[in-house]
Amino acid sequence: MQDKTAVLGNTPGVEEDERYIEKAYRTLSEDNRKKLEVYAAALRRTQLSHEGTD
C-alpha cells in the first residue's frame, strides 16, 4: 500500500494548501499554536487507532 503522505504530496493543489495552512499557523498567538498542536496530535492518535478497522 502506498504511503498516504507520498500520495498527497503528488496531488495537485496540496502544496498551495500547505502554504495556506502554514501562513494561517504563523498568524496564531503562541498559546493558540500550542492548543492547535495538542489538538492535531490527539487527532492523529485517533486516526491511527482507527486505521485498519475500515
N, C-alpha and C. Protein backbone atom coordinates (compact mmCIF):
# COMPACT_ATOMS: atom_id res chain seq x y z
N MET A 1 0.85 -1.19 0.00
CA MET A 1 0.00 0.00 0.00
C MET A 1 0.88 1.24 0.00
N GLN A 2 0.50 2.24 -0.79
CA GLN A 2 1.29 3.45 -0.90
C GLN A 2 1.16 4.30 0.35
N ASP A 3 2.25 4.96 0.68
CA ASP A 3 2.24 5.87 1.81
C ASP A 3 1.29 7.03 1.51
N LYS A 4 0.39 7.34 2.45
CA LYS A 4 -0.59 8.41 2.23
C LYS A 4 0.10 9.75 1.98
N THR A 5 1.21 9.99 2.68
CA THR A 5 1.94 11.25 2.50
C THR A 5 2.47 11.37 1.09
N ALA A 6 2.99 10.28 0.54
CA ALA A 6 3.51 10.31 -0.83
C ALA A 6 2.39 10.58 -1.82
N VAL A 7 1.25 9.99 -1.59
CA VAL A 7 0.11 10.20 -2.49
C VAL A 7 -0.35 11.65 -2.41
N LEU A 8 -0.49 12.17 -1.20
CA LEU A 8 -0.93 13.55 -1.04
C LEU A 8 0.08 14.53 -1.60
N GLY A 9 1.36 14.22 -1.46
CA GLY A 9 2.39 15.11 -1.97
C GLY A 9 2.33 15.27 -3.47
N ASN A 10 1.77 14.29 -4.16
CA ASN A 10 1.68 14.33 -5.62
C ASN A 10 0.31 14.81 -6.11
N THR A 11 -0.57 15.14 -5.19
CA THR A 11 -1.91 15.58 -5.56
C THR A 11 -1.89 17.08 -5.88
N PRO A 12 -2.43 17.47 -7.04
CA PRO A 12 -2.45 18.89 -7.40
C PRO A 12 -3.18 19.72 -6.33
N GLY A 13 -2.63 20.86 -6.00
CA GLY A 13 -3.25 21.75 -5.03
C GLY A 13 -2.79 21.57 -3.61
N VAL A 14 -2.13 20.45 -3.30
CA VAL A 14 -1.72 20.20 -1.92
C VAL A 14 -0.65 21.20 -1.48
N GLU A 15 0.30 21.52 -2.36
CA GLU A 15 1.34 22.48 -1.98
C GLU A 15 0.72 23.83 -1.63
N GLU A 16 -0.25 24.28 -2.40
CA GLU A 16 -0.91 25.54 -2.11
C GLU A 16 -1.64 25.47 -0.77
N ASP A 17 -2.29 24.34 -0.51
CA ASP A 17 -2.99 24.15 0.76
C ASP A 17 -2.01 24.19 1.92
N GLU A 18 -0.86 23.53 1.76
CA GLU A 18 0.15 23.52 2.82
C GLU A 18 0.66 24.93 3.10
N ARG A 19 0.89 25.71 2.05
CA ARG A 19 1.36 27.09 2.23
C ARG A 19 0.29 27.93 2.95
N TYR A 20 -0.97 27.73 2.58
CA TYR A 20 -2.07 28.45 3.23
C TYR A 20 -2.13 28.11 4.72
N ILE A 21 -2.01 26.82 5.03
CA ILE A 21 -2.07 26.39 6.43
C ILE A 21 -0.89 26.94 7.21
N GLU A 22 0.31 26.90 6.62
CA GLU A 22 1.50 27.45 7.29
C GLU A 22 1.33 28.94 7.56
N LYS A 23 0.80 29.67 6.60
CA LYS A 23 0.59 31.11 6.76
C LYS A 23 -0.41 31.37 7.89
N ALA A 24 -1.50 30.63 7.90
CA ALA A 24 -2.50 30.79 8.95
C ALA A 24 -1.91 30.44 10.32
N TYR A 25 -1.10 29.39 10.37
CA TYR A 25 -0.47 28.96 11.63
C TYR A 25 0.42 30.07 12.18
N ARG A 26 1.16 30.75 11.30
CA ARG A 26 2.06 31.82 11.74
C ARG A 26 1.31 33.01 12.31
N THR A 27 0.05 33.18 11.95
CA THR A 27 -0.72 34.31 12.47
C THR A 27 -1.30 34.03 13.86
N LEU A 28 -1.25 32.79 14.31
CA LEU A 28 -1.80 32.45 15.62
C LEU A 28 -0.89 32.92 16.75
N SER A 29 -1.48 33.20 17.90
CA SER A 29 -0.69 33.51 19.08
C SER A 29 0.01 32.23 19.54
N GLU A 30 1.04 32.39 20.35
CA GLU A 30 1.80 31.23 20.85
C GLU A 30 0.89 30.26 21.60
N ASP A 31 -0.02 30.79 22.42
CA ASP A 31 -0.94 29.95 23.18
C ASP A 31 -1.84 29.15 22.25
N ASN A 32 -2.37 29.81 21.23
CA ASN A 32 -3.25 29.11 20.30
C ASN A 32 -2.49 28.11 19.44
N ARG A 33 -1.23 28.38 19.14
CA ARG A 33 -0.41 27.41 18.41
C ARG A 33 -0.28 26.12 19.21
N LYS A 34 -0.01 26.28 20.51
CA LYS A 34 0.14 25.10 21.37
C LYS A 34 -1.17 24.31 21.44
N LYS A 35 -2.29 25.02 21.55
CA LYS A 35 -3.59 24.34 21.58
C LYS A 35 -3.83 23.58 20.28
N LEU A 36 -3.50 24.20 19.17
CA LEU A 36 -3.68 23.56 17.87
C LEU A 36 -2.79 22.32 17.75
N GLU A 37 -1.55 22.41 18.23
CA GLU A 37 -0.64 21.27 18.17
C GLU A 37 -1.15 20.11 19.02
N VAL A 38 -1.69 20.41 20.19
CA VAL A 38 -2.24 19.37 21.06
C VAL A 38 -3.45 18.72 20.38
N TYR A 39 -4.32 19.53 19.79
CA TYR A 39 -5.49 19.01 19.09
C TYR A 39 -5.07 18.13 17.91
N ALA A 40 -4.08 18.59 17.13
CA ALA A 40 -3.62 17.83 15.97
C ALA A 40 -3.02 16.50 16.40
N ALA A 41 -2.27 16.50 17.49
CA ALA A 41 -1.68 15.25 17.99
C ALA A 41 -2.77 14.28 18.42
N ALA A 42 -3.79 14.78 19.09
CA ALA A 42 -4.90 13.92 19.52
C ALA A 42 -5.64 13.37 18.31
N LEU A 43 -5.83 14.20 17.30
CA LEU A 43 -6.50 13.75 16.08
C LEU A 43 -5.69 12.67 15.38
N ARG A 44 -4.37 12.84 15.31
CA ARG A 44 -3.51 11.81 14.70
C ARG A 44 -3.61 10.50 15.45
N ARG A 45 -3.60 10.57 16.79
CA ARG A 45 -3.71 9.34 17.59
C ARG A 45 -5.05 8.65 17.32
N THR A 46 -6.11 9.43 17.23
CA THR A 46 -7.43 8.87 16.96
C THR A 46 -7.45 8.21 15.59
N GLN A 47 -6.89 8.88 14.59
CA GLN A 47 -6.87 8.33 13.24
C GLN A 47 -6.05 7.04 13.20
N LEU A 48 -4.90 7.04 13.88
CA LEU A 48 -4.06 5.84 13.90
C LEU A 48 -4.76 4.68 14.59
N SER A 49 -5.51 4.98 15.65
CA SER A 49 -6.19 3.90 16.36
C SER A 49 -7.32 3.30 15.53
N HIS A 50 -7.83 4.05 14.56
CA HIS A 50 -8.92 3.55 13.72
C HIS A 50 -8.44 2.97 12.40
N GLU A 51 -7.15 3.12 12.09
CA GLU A 51 -6.63 2.56 10.84
C GLU A 51 -6.74 1.04 10.87
N GLY A 52 -7.13 0.49 9.78
CA GLY A 52 -7.24 -0.95 9.69
C GLY A 52 -8.58 -1.49 10.19
N THR A 53 -9.42 -0.61 10.72
CA THR A 53 -10.73 -1.06 11.19
C THR A 53 -11.82 -0.73 10.19
N ASP A 54 -11.43 -0.22 9.02
CA ASP A 54 -12.40 0.15 7.98
C ASP A 54 -13.05 -1.07 7.39
